[in-house]
Amino acid sequence: MNVRETLETFLEEGKDWERKATSIRGVTILRMPRTATRPATLAMEINPVDERGNPMKRKGIMIRSPRELEALRTVLGDSKVANLMDALASVVPAVPAAGKENTGVIEI
C-alpha cells in the first residue's frame, strides 16, 4: 500500500483525534473530526522529539496544507527569528529536564 492509500484508509476508518506515527521523527498524522462546515480531514503535526524519542511539547504545530507548510518555512527561515530566540534564551532562565529517566523497570 502506498502513502496516499494509507492516508485515505486512515481518513475513512480512523477515529476522531487519532494520531498515527510516521517514519519521520517528530511528525505524526492527526485525523480531525468532521464539523458543521467541513468533512473529516487529516493534518500533519510537527512536534520535535528529545534524545529519548519523547515529544518536546504537549501539542505540536498542526499543518493542514502545502501553503501553511511554506508559510511556516518562511517564518522559521527568517534570521530575525533565530536572533529573537537567542535574546529570549539569554533573558529566560533555563528549564530543568522533566522527570527522571525511565529505565523500564518498576522499583519496589
Protein backbone atom coordinates (compact mmCIF):
# COMPACT_ATOMS: atom_id res chain seq x y z
CA MET A 1 0.00 0.00 0.00
CA ASN A 2 1.44 3.42 -0.91
CA VAL A 3 1.35 6.54 1.27
CA ARG A 4 -1.72 8.00 -0.45
CA GLU A 5 -3.73 4.78 0.01
CA THR A 6 -2.65 4.53 3.64
CA LEU A 7 -3.76 8.12 4.29
CA GLU A 8 -7.09 7.58 2.52
CA THR A 9 -7.75 4.49 4.65
CA PHE A 10 -6.86 6.38 7.83
CA LEU A 11 -9.17 9.25 6.85
CA GLU A 12 -12.06 6.85 6.22
CA GLU A 13 -11.53 4.39 9.08
CA GLY A 14 -9.60 6.30 11.74
CA LYS A 15 -11.17 7.59 14.94
CA ASP A 16 -11.63 11.30 15.63
CA TRP A 17 -8.42 12.86 17.01
CA GLU A 18 -6.47 9.64 16.43
CA ARG A 19 -2.75 10.08 15.76
CA LYS A 20 -0.61 7.84 13.56
CA ALA A 21 3.15 7.84 13.80
CA THR A 22 5.23 8.26 10.66
CA SER A 23 8.76 7.16 9.88
CA ILE A 24 9.80 10.83 10.21
CA ARG A 25 10.91 11.56 13.78
CA GLY A 26 8.69 14.24 15.30
CA VAL A 27 5.95 14.02 12.65
CA THR A 28 2.54 12.39 13.15
CA ILE A 29 -0.69 12.42 11.18
CA LEU A 30 -3.81 13.53 13.05
CA ARG A 31 -7.36 12.70 11.98
CA MET A 32 -9.52 15.72 12.68
CA PRO A 33 -13.29 15.14 13.01
CA ARG A 34 -16.00 16.43 10.74
CA THR A 35 -17.54 19.76 11.72
CA ALA A 36 -20.67 21.58 10.60
CA THR A 37 -18.69 23.34 7.86
CA ARG A 38 -16.13 20.75 6.69
CA PRO A 39 -15.68 17.00 6.34
CA ALA A 40 -13.21 14.97 8.41
CA THR A 41 -9.66 15.80 7.42
CA LEU A 42 -6.04 14.92 8.11
CA ALA A 43 -3.32 17.22 9.38
CA MET A 44 0.40 16.83 9.83
CA GLU A 45 1.55 17.52 13.38
CA ILE A 46 5.15 18.55 13.89
CA ASN A 47 6.45 18.11 17.41
CA PRO A 48 10.22 17.64 17.74
CA VAL A 49 11.37 14.81 19.98
CA ASP A 50 14.16 14.68 22.54
CA GLU A 51 17.06 12.22 22.57
CA ARG A 52 14.79 9.53 24.09
CA GLY A 53 12.11 9.98 21.42
CA ASN A 54 9.64 11.80 23.69
CA PRO A 55 7.72 14.80 22.30
CA MET A 56 9.22 18.11 23.43
CA LYS A 57 5.83 19.86 23.60
CA ARG A 58 2.41 18.75 24.75
CA LYS A 59 0.96 19.68 21.37
CA GLY A 60 2.81 20.22 18.14
CA ILE A 61 2.23 22.54 15.21
CA MET A 62 -0.71 21.48 13.01
CA ILE A 63 -0.21 21.89 9.29
CA ARG A 64 -3.18 21.27 7.01
CA SER A 65 -1.98 22.43 3.60
CA PRO A 66 1.15 22.94 1.50
CA ARG A 67 0.50 26.69 1.78
CA GLU A 68 0.68 26.54 5.60
CA LEU A 69 3.90 24.49 5.40
CA GLU A 70 5.50 27.03 3.08
CA ALA A 71 4.45 29.93 5.33
CA LEU A 72 5.98 28.15 8.34
CA ARG A 73 9.21 27.54 6.41
CA THR A 74 9.38 31.23 5.55
CA VAL A 75 8.90 32.34 9.15
CA LEU A 76 11.39 29.82 10.58
CA GLY A 77 13.92 30.65 7.87
CA ASP A 78 13.98 34.35 8.82
CA SER A 79 17.27 35.11 10.59
CA LYS A 80 15.42 37.54 12.86
CA VAL A 81 13.56 34.58 14.40
CA ALA A 82 16.87 32.95 15.39
CA ASN A 83 18.12 36.26 16.78
CA LEU A 84 14.92 36.69 18.79
CA MET A 85 15.24 33.15 20.20
CA ASP A 86 18.83 33.85 21.26
CA ALA A 87 17.67 37.02 23.02
CA LEU A 88 14.83 35.14 24.75
CA ALA A 89 17.20 32.39 25.88
CA SER A 90 19.53 34.99 27.40
CA VAL A 91 16.67 36.50 29.45
CA VAL A 92 14.58 33.48 30.45
CA PRO A 93 16.06 31.04 32.99
CA ALA A 94 16.88 27.57 31.69
CA VAL A 95 14.13 24.97 32.13
CA PRO A 96 15.28 21.87 34.05
CA ALA A 97 14.88 18.48 32.36
CA ALA A 98 11.48 16.97 33.09
CA GLY A 99 11.27 13.94 35.35
CA LYS A 100 13.54 11.03 35.99
CA GLU A 101 14.85 8.89 33.15
CA ASN A 102 12.57 5.90 32.62
CA THR A 103 14.58 2.70 32.91
CA GLY A 104 11.64 0.44 32.06
CA VAL A 105 11.92 -1.29 35.44
CA ILE A 106 9.50 -0.77 38.31
CA GLU A 107 11.45 -0.24 41.52
CA ILE A 108 9.64 -1.59 44.60
